[in-house]
Each structure stands twice: as structure tokens, then as C-alpha cells.
Protein backbone atom coordinates (compact mmCIF):
# COMPACT_ATOMS: atom_id res chain seq x y z
CA MET A 1 21.33 -0.82 -0.41
CA ARG A 2 18.85 -2.75 1.70
CA ASP A 3 15.61 -4.07 0.28
CA PRO A 4 12.93 -1.56 1.40
CA ARG A 5 10.45 -4.42 1.90
CA ILE A 6 12.78 -6.13 4.38
CA GLU A 7 13.45 -2.82 6.10
CA ALA A 8 9.70 -2.22 6.46
CA LEU A 9 9.23 -5.77 7.84
CA PHE A 10 12.01 -5.24 10.38
CA GLY A 11 10.51 -1.90 11.41
CA ASP A 12 7.11 -3.50 12.00
CA PHE A 13 8.79 -6.26 14.03
CA LEU A 14 10.55 -3.73 16.29
CA LEU A 15 7.36 -1.77 16.91
CA GLU A 16 5.35 -4.88 17.73
CA THR A 17 8.09 -6.35 19.93
CA ARG A 18 8.36 -3.18 22.01
CA GLU A 19 4.62 -3.31 22.61
CA ARG A 20 4.80 -6.98 23.59
CA LEU A 21 7.68 -6.38 25.99
CA ASP A 22 5.78 -3.52 27.64
CA HIS A 23 2.72 -5.76 28.00
CA LEU A 24 4.85 -8.64 29.30
CA GLU A 25 6.48 -6.40 31.90
CA ALA A 26 3.08 -5.12 33.04
CA LEU A 27 1.81 -8.70 33.43
CA LEU A 28 4.86 -9.72 35.49
CA LEU A 29 4.65 -6.64 37.69
CA ALA A 30 0.99 -7.41 38.36
CA ALA A 31 1.98 -11.00 39.22
CA VAL A 32 4.64 -9.75 41.65
CA ASP A 33 2.06 -7.54 43.36
CA ALA A 34 -0.37 -10.47 43.56
CA GLY A 35 2.36 -12.81 44.84
CA GLN A 36 1.66 -15.45 42.20
CA LEU A 37 1.49 -16.01 38.44
CA GLU A 38 -1.41 -18.17 37.41
CA GLY A 39 -4.70 -18.34 35.57
CA GLU A 40 -5.43 -15.95 32.74
CA ARG A 41 -2.38 -13.82 33.53
CA LEU A 42 -0.12 -16.85 33.12
CA ASP A 43 -1.75 -17.71 29.79
CA ASP A 44 -1.18 -14.15 28.56
CA VAL A 45 2.50 -14.28 29.56
CA ARG A 46 3.00 -17.57 27.73
CA LEU A 47 1.25 -16.22 24.62
CA GLU A 48 3.39 -13.08 24.53
CA LEU A 49 6.61 -15.06 24.92
CA HIS A 50 5.61 -17.65 22.33
CA THR A 51 4.75 -14.95 19.78
CA LEU A 52 7.88 -12.95 20.53
CA LYS A 53 10.05 -16.05 20.16
CA GLY A 54 8.48 -16.95 16.82
CA ASN A 55 8.75 -13.42 15.44
CA ALA A 56 12.40 -13.16 16.50
CA GLY A 57 13.18 -16.37 14.64
CA LEU A 58 11.32 -15.09 11.59
CA VAL A 59 13.58 -12.03 11.26
CA GLY A 60 16.74 -13.96 12.12
CA LEU A 61 17.42 -12.67 15.66
CA GLY A 62 18.65 -15.91 17.21
CA ASP A 63 19.90 -14.37 20.49
CA LEU A 64 16.55 -12.73 21.14
CA GLN A 65 14.76 -15.96 20.27
CA ALA A 66 17.00 -17.95 22.65
CA GLU A 67 16.45 -15.51 25.53
CA ALA A 68 12.68 -15.66 25.03
CA HIS A 69 12.91 -19.46 25.09
CA ARG A 70 14.93 -19.31 28.33
CA LEU A 71 12.26 -17.11 29.92
CA GLU A 72 9.63 -19.61 28.82
CA ASP A 73 11.58 -22.33 30.65
CA LEU A 74 11.77 -20.21 33.83
CA ILE A 75 8.02 -19.73 33.85
CA ALA A 76 7.40 -23.40 33.12
CA GLU A 77 9.39 -24.32 36.26
CA LEU A 78 7.07 -22.30 38.52
CA ALA A 79 4.77 -24.43 40.66
CA PRO A 80 1.18 -23.29 41.25
CA GLY A 81 1.13 -20.59 43.93
CA ASP A 82 4.89 -19.84 43.69
CA GLU A 83 5.91 -16.20 43.96
CA PRO A 84 7.35 -14.97 40.63
CA PRO A 85 11.13 -14.53 41.02
CA GLU A 86 12.71 -11.15 40.32
CA GLU A 87 14.76 -12.84 37.63
CA LEU A 88 11.71 -12.77 35.37
CA LEU A 89 11.81 -8.97 35.22
CA GLY A 90 15.56 -9.11 34.68
CA ALA A 91 14.96 -11.38 31.70
CA VAL A 92 12.59 -8.77 30.24
CA ASP A 93 15.39 -6.21 30.60
CA ARG A 94 17.75 -8.53 28.74
CA LEU A 95 15.19 -8.91 25.97
CA ARG A 96 15.00 -5.13 25.66
CA HIS A 97 18.80 -4.91 25.54
CA LEU A 98 18.97 -7.50 22.77
CA LEU A 99 16.28 -5.64 20.88
CA GLN A 100 18.26 -2.41 21.15
CA GLN A 101 21.32 -4.22 19.83
CA ALA A 102 19.22 -5.34 16.87
CA VAL A 103 18.29 -1.71 16.17
CA ALA A 104 21.96 -0.74 16.32
CA GLY A 105 22.94 -3.58 14.02
CA GLU A 106 20.22 -2.63 11.54
CA ALA A 107 21.58 0.92 11.43
CA GLY A 108 25.04 -0.45 10.55
CA ALA A 109 28.52 -0.63 12.07
CA GLY A 110 27.13 -1.85 15.38
CA ALA A 111 25.75 1.53 16.46
CA PRO A 112 22.67 3.50 15.44
CA SER A 113 23.30 6.37 13.10
CA PRO A 114 21.42 9.62 13.74
CA GLY A 115 19.12 9.01 10.79
CA GLU A 116 18.65 5.25 10.95
CA GLY A 117 18.78 4.29 14.60
CA THR A 118 16.08 6.74 15.59
CA ARG A 119 13.81 6.15 12.61
CA VAL A 120 12.05 3.14 14.05
CA GLN A 121 12.26 4.45 17.61
CA ALA A 122 10.30 7.52 16.52
CA SER A 123 7.60 5.41 14.86
CA VAL A 124 4.25 4.84 16.49
CA ARG A 125 1.27 2.60 15.82
CA ILE A 126 -1.99 4.36 15.05
CA ALA A 127 -5.32 2.66 15.57
CA PHE A 128 -7.35 2.38 12.38
CA ALA A 129 -10.32 4.00 14.15
CA THR A 130 -8.10 7.00 14.90
CA LEU A 131 -7.16 7.30 11.22
CA ASP A 132 -10.84 7.11 10.29
CA ALA A 133 -11.66 9.94 12.67
CA LEU A 134 -8.75 11.99 11.33
CA VAL A 135 -9.93 11.57 7.75
CA SER A 136 -13.45 12.60 8.76
CA ARG A 137 -12.03 15.78 10.29
CA LEU A 138 -10.07 16.38 7.09
CA GLU A 139 -13.22 16.04 5.01
CA GLN A 140 -14.94 18.63 7.18
CA MET A 141 -11.99 20.99 6.78
CA VAL A 142 -12.18 20.68 2.98
CA ILE A 143 -15.92 21.45 3.03
CA LEU A 144 -15.38 24.46 5.34
CA ARG A 145 -12.54 25.71 3.13
CA ASN A 146 -14.85 25.49 0.10
CA ARG A 147 -17.51 27.40 2.03
CA LEU A 148 -14.98 30.12 2.82
CA THR A 149 -13.91 30.24 -0.84
CA GLU A 150 -17.48 30.82 -2.01
CA ALA A 151 -18.09 33.45 0.69
CA LEU A 152 -14.97 35.37 -0.35
CA GLU A 153 -16.02 35.20 -3.99
CA ARG A 154 -19.49 36.58 -3.20
CA HIS A 155 -17.99 39.33 -1.03
CA ARG A 156 -15.54 40.27 -3.80
CA GLU A 157 -18.40 40.70 -6.26
CA GLU A 158 -20.31 42.85 -3.76
CA LEU A 159 -17.31 45.10 -3.05
CA GLY A 160 -16.43 45.69 -6.68
CA GLU A 161 -13.39 48.01 -6.90
CA GLN A 162 -13.07 48.05 -3.10
CA ALA A 163 -12.11 44.37 -3.27
CA ARG A 164 -8.63 45.54 -4.28
CA SER A 165 -8.10 47.14 -0.87
CA ALA A 166 -5.17 46.00 1.29
CA PRO A 167 -7.35 44.40 4.02
CA PHE A 168 -9.30 42.32 1.53
CA GLU A 169 -6.11 41.27 -0.30
CA ALA A 170 -4.61 40.20 3.04
CA VAL A 171 -7.66 38.03 3.75
CA ARG A 172 -7.51 36.54 0.26
CA GLN A 173 -3.81 35.75 0.57
CA THR A 174 -4.34 34.12 3.94
CA HIS A 175 -7.12 32.02 2.39
CA ASP A 176 -4.79 30.90 -0.40
CA ASP A 177 -2.03 30.01 2.07
CA LEU A 178 -4.56 28.07 4.15
CA GLY A 179 -5.57 26.12 1.06
CA THR A 180 -1.95 25.24 0.28
CA THR A 181 -1.33 24.02 3.83
CA LEU A 182 -4.55 22.04 3.81
CA GLY A 183 -3.42 20.37 0.57
CA PHE A 184 -0.19 19.19 2.20
CA LEU A 185 -2.15 18.00 5.25
CA ARG A 186 -4.58 16.12 3.03
CA ASP A 187 -1.80 14.30 1.19
CA ASP A 188 -0.07 13.30 4.43
CA ILE A 189 -3.22 12.04 6.14
CA LEU A 190 -4.52 10.07 3.17
CA ARG A 191 -1.08 8.56 2.65
CA LEU A 192 -1.30 7.08 6.16
CA ARG A 193 -4.39 5.10 5.11
CA MET A 194 -3.05 3.83 1.82
CA VAL A 195 -0.87 0.79 1.25
CA PRO A 196 0.33 -0.58 -2.09
CA LEU A 197 -1.43 -3.68 -3.32
CA ALA A 198 1.99 -5.28 -3.70
CA THR A 199 1.93 -5.98 0.04
CA LEU A 200 -0.47 -8.84 -0.77
CA PHE A 201 1.57 -10.33 -3.61
CA GLY A 202 4.00 -12.20 -1.34
CA SER A 203 1.24 -14.25 0.28
CA LEU A 204 -0.30 -14.95 -3.13
CA ARG A 205 3.01 -16.33 -4.39
CA ARG A 206 3.12 -18.69 -1.43
CA ILE A 207 -0.42 -19.90 -2.14
CA VAL A 208 0.41 -20.55 -5.79
CA HIS A 209 3.62 -22.36 -4.88
CA ASP A 210 2.07 -24.58 -2.20
CA GLU A 211 -0.99 -25.57 -4.23
CA ALA A 212 1.05 -26.20 -7.37
CA VAL A 213 3.45 -28.48 -5.49
CA ARG A 214 0.57 -30.32 -3.82
CA LEU A 215 -1.15 -30.93 -7.15
CA GLY A 216 1.99 -31.57 -9.20
CA LYS A 217 1.43 -28.55 -11.45
CA GLU A 218 3.90 -26.00 -12.77
CA VAL A 219 2.40 -22.54 -12.27
CA ALA A 220 3.85 -19.03 -12.53
CA LEU A 221 2.27 -16.00 -10.85
CA GLU A 222 2.46 -12.72 -12.76
CA THR A 223 1.53 -9.44 -11.09
CA ALA A 224 0.92 -5.90 -12.32
CA GLY A 225 -0.29 -2.72 -10.69
CA GLY A 226 1.39 -3.46 -7.38
CA GLU A 227 1.82 0.27 -6.87
CA THR A 228 -1.97 0.70 -6.91
CA PRO A 229 -2.84 2.30 -3.57
CA LEU A 230 -5.40 0.46 -1.51
CA ASP A 231 -7.22 1.83 1.49
CA ARG A 232 -6.26 -0.06 4.64
CA GLY A 233 -9.94 -0.73 5.25
CA LEU A 234 -10.06 -2.72 2.02
CA LEU A 235 -6.79 -4.57 2.55
CA GLU A 236 -8.31 -7.41 4.59
CA VAL A 237 -11.17 -7.84 2.12
CA ALA A 238 -8.81 -7.86 -0.85
CA SER A 239 -6.50 -10.33 0.87
CA GLU A 240 -9.33 -12.74 1.63
CA ALA A 241 -10.83 -12.48 -1.84
CA LEU A 242 -7.56 -12.76 -3.77
CA GLY A 243 -6.43 -15.72 -1.68
CA HIS A 244 -9.59 -17.63 -2.58
CA LEU A 245 -9.48 -16.68 -6.26
CA VAL A 246 -5.82 -17.52 -6.78
CA ARG A 247 -6.18 -20.84 -4.98
CA ASN A 248 -9.30 -21.56 -7.03
CA ALA A 249 -7.42 -20.80 -10.26
CA VAL A 250 -4.60 -23.24 -9.45
CA ILE A 251 -6.90 -26.02 -8.23
CA HIS A 252 -9.84 -25.74 -10.62
CA GLY A 253 -8.77 -23.59 -13.53
CA LEU A 254 -5.37 -24.86 -14.61
CA GLU A 255 -4.62 -28.16 -16.26
CA THR A 256 -1.86 -30.47 -15.08
CA THR A 257 1.55 -30.16 -16.67
CA GLU A 258 0.96 -33.31 -18.73
CA GLU A 259 -2.42 -32.05 -19.98
CA ARG A 260 -0.96 -28.72 -21.05
CA ARG A 261 1.89 -30.47 -22.83
CA ARG A 262 -0.60 -32.58 -24.81
CA LEU A 263 -2.58 -29.45 -25.68
CA GLY A 264 0.54 -27.57 -26.76
CA LYS A 265 0.08 -24.96 -24.05
CA PRO A 266 3.04 -23.21 -22.37
CA ARG A 267 3.66 -23.21 -18.62
CA ALA A 268 0.48 -22.36 -16.69
CA THR A 269 0.10 -18.77 -15.54
CA VAL A 270 -2.07 -16.93 -13.03
CA ARG A 271 -2.04 -13.15 -13.46
CA VAL A 272 -3.15 -10.61 -10.84
CA ALA A 273 -3.46 -6.99 -12.00
CA ALA A 274 -4.95 -3.89 -10.40
CA GLU A 275 -5.89 -0.32 -11.25
CA THR A 276 -7.90 2.46 -9.64
CA ASP A 277 -9.90 5.51 -10.68
CA THR A 278 -12.17 8.00 -9.00
CA ARG A 279 -14.90 5.43 -8.57
CA GLU A 280 -13.34 2.13 -7.56
CA VAL A 281 -10.39 -0.21 -7.33
CA ARG A 282 -10.46 -2.97 -9.92
CA ILE A 283 -8.47 -6.18 -9.37
CA LEU A 284 -8.28 -8.87 -12.03
CA VAL A 285 -7.40 -12.52 -11.47
CA LEU A 286 -6.82 -14.27 -14.81
CA ASP A 287 -5.70 -17.82 -15.54
CA ASP A 288 -4.89 -19.41 -18.91
CA GLY A 289 -6.42 -22.76 -18.03
CA ARG A 290 -9.24 -24.91 -19.24
CA GLY A 291 -11.98 -22.37 -18.69
CA ILE A 292 -15.41 -23.02 -17.19
CA ARG A 293 -17.83 -25.25 -19.09
CA ARG A 294 -21.33 -23.86 -19.02
CA ASP A 295 -22.88 -27.30 -19.47
CA GLU A 296 -21.10 -28.56 -16.32
CA ILE A 297 -22.44 -25.60 -14.33
CA LEU A 298 -25.98 -26.18 -15.57
CA ALA A 299 -25.73 -29.94 -14.86
CA ALA A 300 -24.53 -29.24 -11.31
CA ALA A 301 -27.38 -26.74 -10.88
CA VAL A 302 -29.89 -29.40 -11.93
CA ARG A 303 -28.45 -31.85 -9.40
CA ARG A 304 -28.83 -29.21 -6.66
CA GLY A 305 -32.28 -28.14 -7.79
CA ASP A 306 -31.08 -24.62 -8.69
CA GLU A 307 -32.62 -22.70 -11.55
CA VAL A 308 -31.08 -20.12 -13.86
CA PRO A 309 -33.56 -17.41 -14.86
CA ALA A 310 -34.14 -17.00 -18.59
CA GLY A 311 -31.36 -14.86 -19.98
CA GLY A 312 -29.42 -15.16 -16.73
CA ASP A 313 -25.70 -15.74 -16.43
CA PRO A 314 -24.95 -19.35 -15.42
CA PHE A 315 -21.58 -18.21 -14.02
CA SER A 316 -23.48 -16.49 -11.19
CA LEU A 317 -24.25 -19.97 -9.82
CA LEU A 318 -20.56 -20.36 -8.96
CA PHE A 319 -21.06 -17.99 -6.01
CA ALA A 320 -23.96 -19.93 -4.48
CA PRO A 321 -23.02 -21.41 -1.07
CA GLY A 322 -22.09 -25.06 -1.46
CA PHE A 323 -22.14 -25.00 -5.26
CA SER A 324 -19.45 -27.12 -6.93
CA THR A 325 -19.06 -28.91 -10.23
CA ARG A 326 -16.78 -31.47 -8.56
CA ALA A 327 -18.29 -34.70 -7.35
CA GLU A 328 -15.55 -35.23 -4.76
CA THR A 329 -13.93 -32.92 -2.24
CA ASP A 330 -10.34 -32.69 -1.04
CA LEU A 331 -8.28 -30.63 1.37
CA GLY A 332 -7.95 -27.72 -1.04
CA ALA A 333 -11.38 -27.25 -2.58
CA GLY A 334 -14.51 -28.92 -3.79
CA ARG A 335 -17.18 -27.89 -1.28
CA GLY A 336 -18.16 -24.67 -3.07
CA ILE A 337 -17.30 -22.57 -0.02
CA GLY A 338 -14.44 -20.48 -1.43
CA LEU A 339 -16.24 -18.43 -4.07
CA ALA A 340 -19.26 -17.89 -1.84
CA ALA A 341 -16.90 -16.54 0.82
CA VAL A 342 -15.29 -14.22 -1.74
CA GLN A 343 -18.60 -12.76 -2.79
CA GLU A 344 -19.72 -12.31 0.80
CA ALA A 345 -16.50 -10.50 1.74
CA VAL A 346 -16.69 -8.19 -1.27
CA ASN A 347 -20.41 -7.49 -0.84
CA ARG A 348 -19.83 -6.47 2.77
CA ARG A 349 -17.84 -3.51 1.48
CA GLY A 350 -20.31 -2.60 -1.26
CA GLY A 351 -18.25 -4.22 -4.03
CA ARG A 352 -19.10 -6.76 -6.68
CA ILE A 353 -17.49 -9.57 -8.70
CA GLU A 354 -17.73 -10.39 -12.38
CA VAL A 355 -16.62 -13.63 -14.02
CA PHE A 356 -15.82 -14.27 -17.67
CA SER A 357 -14.62 -17.55 -19.13
CA GLU A 358 -13.83 -19.07 -22.49
CA GLU A 359 -13.54 -22.82 -22.68
CA GLY A 360 -9.98 -23.85 -23.42
CA LEU A 361 -8.60 -20.32 -22.98
CA GLY A 362 -9.05 -19.45 -19.32
CA THR A 363 -11.11 -17.59 -16.75
CA LEU A 364 -11.17 -14.00 -15.55
CA PHE A 365 -12.53 -12.83 -12.18
CA ARG A 366 -12.86 -9.05 -11.87
CA LEU A 367 -13.27 -7.52 -8.42
CA HIS A 368 -14.76 -4.04 -8.08
CA LEU A 369 -14.07 -2.49 -4.68
CA PRO A 370 -15.38 0.99 -3.82
CA LEU A 371 -13.17 3.82 -2.66
CA SER A 372 -13.95 4.30 1.02
CA VAL A 373 -12.78 7.91 1.03
CA SER A 374 -11.06 10.23 -1.39
CA ILE A 375 -10.49 13.94 -1.85
CA ILE A 376 -10.07 14.99 -5.47
CA ARG A 377 -10.06 18.04 -7.73
CA ALA A 378 -13.20 18.31 -9.80
CA LEU A 379 -14.78 20.60 -12.39
CA LEU A 380 -18.18 21.94 -11.33
CA ILE A 381 -20.66 21.94 -14.22
CA ALA A 382 -24.40 22.55 -14.54
CA SER A 383 -27.28 21.67 -16.84
CA ASP A 384 -30.97 22.50 -16.48
CA GLY A 385 -30.50 23.90 -12.98
CA GLU A 386 -28.70 20.79 -11.70
CA GLU A 387 -25.03 20.87 -10.68
CA TYR A 388 -22.48 18.07 -10.99
CA ALA A 389 -18.82 17.49 -10.14
CA LEU A 390 -16.57 15.95 -12.81
CA PRO A 391 -13.11 14.58 -11.81
CA LEU A 392 -10.30 16.35 -13.64
CA GLY A 393 -8.23 13.22 -14.27
CA THR A 394 -9.72 12.40 -17.69
CA MET A 395 -10.63 15.93 -18.80
CA GLU A 396 -8.70 17.23 -21.84
CA GLU A 397 -10.21 20.68 -22.45
CA THR A 398 -13.33 22.86 -22.22
CA PHE A 399 -14.76 25.10 -24.95
CA ARG A 400 -17.93 26.77 -26.18
CA PHE A 401 -19.77 25.33 -29.15
CA ALA A 402 -22.61 26.55 -31.38
CA SER A 403 -25.34 24.69 -33.25
CA ASP A 404 -23.55 24.91 -36.60
CA GLN A 405 -20.73 22.80 -35.14
CA VAL A 406 -23.05 19.92 -34.21
CA HIS A 407 -23.98 17.15 -36.66
CA VAL A 408 -26.31 14.17 -36.36
CA ILE A 409 -25.09 10.83 -37.68
CA ASN A 410 -27.32 7.72 -37.37
CA GLY A 411 -29.29 9.37 -34.58
CA GLY A 412 -26.23 10.32 -32.52
CA MET A 413 -24.70 13.80 -32.24
CA VAL A 414 -21.05 14.54 -32.99
CA ILE A 415 -18.79 17.60 -32.99
CA GLU A 416 -15.85 18.14 -35.28
CA ARG A 417 -12.94 18.92 -32.98
CA ARG A 418 -9.30 19.20 -34.02
CA GLY A 419 -9.94 17.42 -37.29
CA ARG A 420 -11.88 14.52 -35.75
CA LEU A 421 -15.55 13.72 -35.27
CA VAL A 422 -16.11 13.20 -31.55
CA PRO A 423 -19.42 11.90 -30.07
CA LEU A 424 -21.40 14.55 -28.16
CA LEU A 425 -23.31 13.48 -25.04
CA ASP A 426 -25.75 16.01 -23.57
CA LEU A 427 -25.64 15.83 -19.77
CA GLY A 428 -29.17 17.08 -19.16
CA PHE A 429 -30.68 14.65 -21.65
CA CYS A 430 -28.57 11.86 -20.17
CA PHE A 431 -30.08 12.38 -16.69
CA GLY A 432 -33.61 13.14 -17.89
CA THR A 433 -33.65 16.81 -16.81
CA SER A 434 -34.17 17.87 -20.44
CA PRO A 435 -36.46 16.18 -22.98
CA VAL A 436 -34.22 17.28 -25.85
CA ARG A 437 -30.48 17.41 -26.57
CA ARG A 438 -28.92 20.87 -26.69
CA ARG A 439 -26.91 21.98 -29.70
CA HIS A 440 -25.10 24.89 -28.06
CA GLY A 441 -23.39 25.52 -24.75
CA TYR A 442 -20.11 24.34 -23.28
CA GLY A 443 -18.25 21.20 -24.19
CA VAL A 444 -15.98 19.19 -21.90
CA ALA A 445 -13.67 16.83 -23.80
CA LEU A 446 -13.10 13.53 -21.98
CA ALA A 447 -10.69 10.69 -22.70
CA ALA A 448 -11.95 7.79 -20.57
CA GLU A 449 -11.60 4.03 -20.68
CA GLY A 450 -14.73 3.64 -22.81
CA GLY A 451 -13.51 6.11 -25.47
CA ARG A 452 -13.47 9.84 -26.19
CA ARG A 453 -16.57 11.93 -25.58
CA ILE A 454 -17.54 15.58 -25.51
CA LEU A 455 -19.91 16.27 -22.66
CA GLY A 456 -22.41 19.01 -23.48
CA VAL A 457 -23.35 21.21 -20.47
CA GLU A 458 -25.11 24.50 -19.89
CA SER A 459 -22.38 26.18 -17.82
CA ILE A 460 -18.97 25.65 -16.25
CA GLN A 461 -18.61 26.97 -12.71
CA GLY A 462 -14.97 26.39 -11.86
CA ILE A 463 -12.62 23.90 -10.22
CA ARG A 464 -12.97 22.77 -6.61
CA GLU A 465 -11.36 20.23 -4.31
CA VAL A 466 -14.18 17.92 -3.22
CA VAL A 467 -14.77 15.00 -0.89
CA VAL A 468 -15.93 11.79 -2.61
CA ASN A 469 -18.75 10.05 -0.77
CA PRO A 470 -19.92 6.64 -2.05
CA LEU A 471 -23.64 6.26 -2.62
CA ASP A 472 -25.79 3.58 -1.08
CA PRO A 473 -25.99 0.59 -3.47
CA LEU A 474 -29.77 0.99 -3.60
CA VAL A 475 -29.49 4.42 -5.28
CA SER A 476 -26.18 4.19 -7.14
CA ARG A 477 -27.53 2.37 -10.18
CA HIS A 478 -26.71 4.93 -12.89
CA PRO A 479 -23.48 3.95 -14.67
CA ALA A 480 -22.40 7.59 -15.00
CA VAL A 481 -22.57 8.31 -11.26
CA ALA A 482 -19.49 7.64 -9.12
CA GLY A 483 -20.73 9.09 -5.83
CA SER A 484 -21.65 12.43 -4.31
CA THR A 485 -20.01 15.42 -2.72
CA ILE A 486 -21.00 18.44 -0.63
CA LEU A 487 -20.30 21.97 -1.83
CA GLY A 488 -19.23 24.87 0.31
CA ASP A 489 -22.81 26.10 0.80
CA GLY A 490 -23.93 22.67 2.03
CA ARG A 491 -25.58 21.50 -1.21
CA ALA A 492 -25.08 17.87 -2.21
CA VAL A 493 -24.24 17.19 -5.87
CA LEU A 494 -23.56 14.06 -7.85
CA LEU A 495 -19.98 13.10 -8.72
CA LEU A 496 -19.80 11.86 -12.31
CA ASP A 497 -17.86 8.83 -13.52
CA PRO A 498 -16.02 9.63 -16.79
CA THR A 499 -15.74 5.93 -17.73
CA GLY A 500 -19.47 5.47 -17.19
CA LEU A 501 -20.23 8.56 -19.26
CA ALA A 502 -18.12 7.21 -22.10
CA SER A 503 -20.11 3.96 -22.09
CA LEU A 504 -23.56 5.58 -22.44
CA SER A 505 -25.51 5.24 -25.66
CA LEU A 506 -25.56 8.28 -27.96
CA LEU A 507 -28.80 7.27 -29.69
CA ALA A 508 -32.13 9.01 -29.15
CA ASP A 509 -35.45 9.56 -30.82
CA PRO A 510 -35.06 11.55 -34.07
CA GLY A 511 -37.24 14.41 -32.82
CA SER A 512 -35.31 15.03 -29.61
CA VAL A 513 -32.60 17.32 -31.01
CA MET A 514 -32.97 21.07 -30.40
């Protein structure tokens, strides 16, 4: 069985090479019409051939590489003003023939099988802008479907018993079938935009290897969460940021092999791990090195004339352009450019970076990247006339509760549920729409990263498929808010973040309980 990663690489090579051969042929045909090959057109031909030759060598197609090299020689022999010989176009045909042989060989037994030989031939490249437009259309379809759902529900209530008529049932069934088809379409379209984070791990391994060899260190790279899907729009940002952080860990964070041996430390390790939820993608870069000394940061800040505000985090200085604790620079680092570049790249996409370090134990950089687009299933809830959408992923159950089930312990409310005392967080009080915390209503049990909570709400309005829209950083300051969505009737509601809800304080003034 072939390695799927190699198969994917070979498929990408075939697609790109076909495009390059088409472009090369068009350039040569234009040169034939013009009677000469020179200037910008000649530069483009040389670039295409040089790239094609290098790519062919990369995937091990020596015959294709040799033919591209021969065509380069033919073009190099042309004198200024010479008419391009017909042999150039013939060489392009030979390149296509060799490429087709490569497809046949990849399928096995020297000839393409019906399933394998046509797989790559049937593939196409899709511009990222086209995917963006397609996702936008999909979002509109979801909103319109929700609008139709609400209209049918209102009409059913108005009709009463007549809603059981055959015509209405036919409309309802068609609506349900439409929803099913739209679900399949949604999954297919969003899958086109997503790539596993593991696609970046290969380049990170090369960075770790090269820097470790250059510095005489022994370093292992550990990875986890490679299956975490990453939007293609974030792939370039993540690649740039992770490259800087991993290189920084090897150069700055990790001790030499001799130092670690004296300290009794095992072989140095850099770990990259990722996870995602309804709000963001989180990527961690952790090393088990010497850690960051706060006194060195503060000393470097004094030399630069920087100031750390009272109570501020000195680690934030690491991201200042040009900031470095090293007195000397080298080819790998030392000018303070890398971390500033990381922060700039992440900030451009509305993300943020956190850094934690313990001297002698290591350093952790945590990247938070927003989800650019997502369509999820959410529970619609309401409190004090305000509606919210709560992602279903962390919801365990819903139930009604009465005041005799609620207890106050140290100023915080709890409910006894299934033999356990679970903290109760009133949604209206949390967002300031109610001055007091309710002791009756509906409870939504959540199991999020920050712990278990029961969310107290006034009403539960049903489950909907909603489009997640990120909020502008200027207004998305509440930890319990993940974004927004638009309901079928056009109303915008906040999308809640279960992890943020679980992290909120349960304490309140003693007189605020109903």
C-alpha cells in the first residue's frame, strides 16, 4: 500500500506540471507567431523549464528531468532574433508523453487502471477566492433554509389540524429532504477548505534537524493533533508562525547536549500540539529547555529604554521589534525579528499569542487562531428577552429546575444533579440583562475545558444549524462570546463559548439571588 502522503504529493506534482506545460506551449506558440523568442517571454520560458526540471527531480522522474534539461539547452543555443524552431514544440509533446507515462506507472503495471489512472486526470485546481465565494453562498443557503424552517413552523401553528393535510406534508417532507442535501453539500464544500495541520509537520522537522545540526544539539520533535483541520486561509499564517517558534526553541530555548548532560536532563524535545473548538484553533509549541529568565528580559528592556507597566507581563517584551536578550547576532537568530514577525502574522488574522516560561523547565508559546468560517449545530436559548446560540458539542443534557433544587454555597449557586453538586451560572446575570440570579427555569448541563457547569436560562427554543461569524476584536472582549450568527428571520444573536462560560466566576453580591 502506498503512503497516502506521497500519493498526494505526486498528484499535486502532476496537476502543477500539466499547468506549466500548457503555459510553456502557449509561450512558444506566441514566440512562433512573433518570429522570435526574447525579452520577458524568454524569461518566462526559462523559469517554467527550470521549475519543471527541479520538480521532476524532486519526485524521482529522471527521464522527464533530462528532457526538460535538453529543452533548456535548445533554448540557450538560440541567438537573439532567431526564429524558434519547431523542435521546441515537439519537445513539449515529449514532456507530455513522459508525464503520461509517469501517470501510468503510478497506477501500476505500466498502464493506468480505471480507478487510479483517471483519478489525478480528473482533478482540478480551484482558486482560493473561488472557494471563499462558494462558502459565502453556502452560508446564505443555510440562513435561507433556517428562514424557511421558521416560516413553516409558524404556518403549521396557524393551520392547526389542517397542517396534517397532504399538501402541507408534501411541503414539509421536501423541506426535510432539502435540509439533508444541504448538509451533504455543506460537508463537501467545507472539506475543500480544510487541510490537516500535519501538512506543516514535515517542514518543522526539517527546521529542527537543520538548526540542531548547525548548533551541535540533539533535539527531537514530537507532534500531536496533526489531524486537527485548519482552514486553508490560516495555513500560511500557521506555517510562518510555527517556523519561527520552532526555530526559536532550538536556538534560544534548548541547552546544548553537554549542558543537558551536566543537568541530568534527557534528550532535548520540542513538542507541537494542536486542537480546535467552536471558537478557535489552538497550537502549542513547548520546549523542555532552560526557560526564559525574567531578569534578563528586564535588563535588556533597560538597555533599550523600554518600560514594563506596573503589573505587566515582561514576556510581552519578547514580541517588540528588535528586542533580544542576546548581545551578539548570528545567521539563525539574535536580532529580535522572529517573534515580532510571528505576532504580526497572527495579529493580521485576528489571533493572539501567549507565552509561559519556568526557568530550568522550559517555555510554552500558545497560538490562538480564529475560525474564519464554520457552520455548526447549536441550541437556541433565551434569557430576559435576549437570544443566544450555544454549540452542541459540549452540551450533556437540558432539564427544568425549581428554586428548591438550588443552593447557595460561599456566594455561588449550585444544583444537585445526578448525585453531584454542579455550579449554576445564570446567563442573564452573566451578561448584565438581569440584576439578580434566577432560581428557576431551564438548565443546560455543559462539560467544557474549564469544568462542568449548569447554565441557567429562561427558555429553550430548539436546535438549529447556524453560521459562525467572528466578531471584530474591538467588541469581542467577553470571554463567554465566541462570535455571532444570523437566525432565519434576519436577527443577529451571540454565539456562546462553552469554555469561556465554564471559566466565569460564580460569585455575586449576597443580595442578588432571587
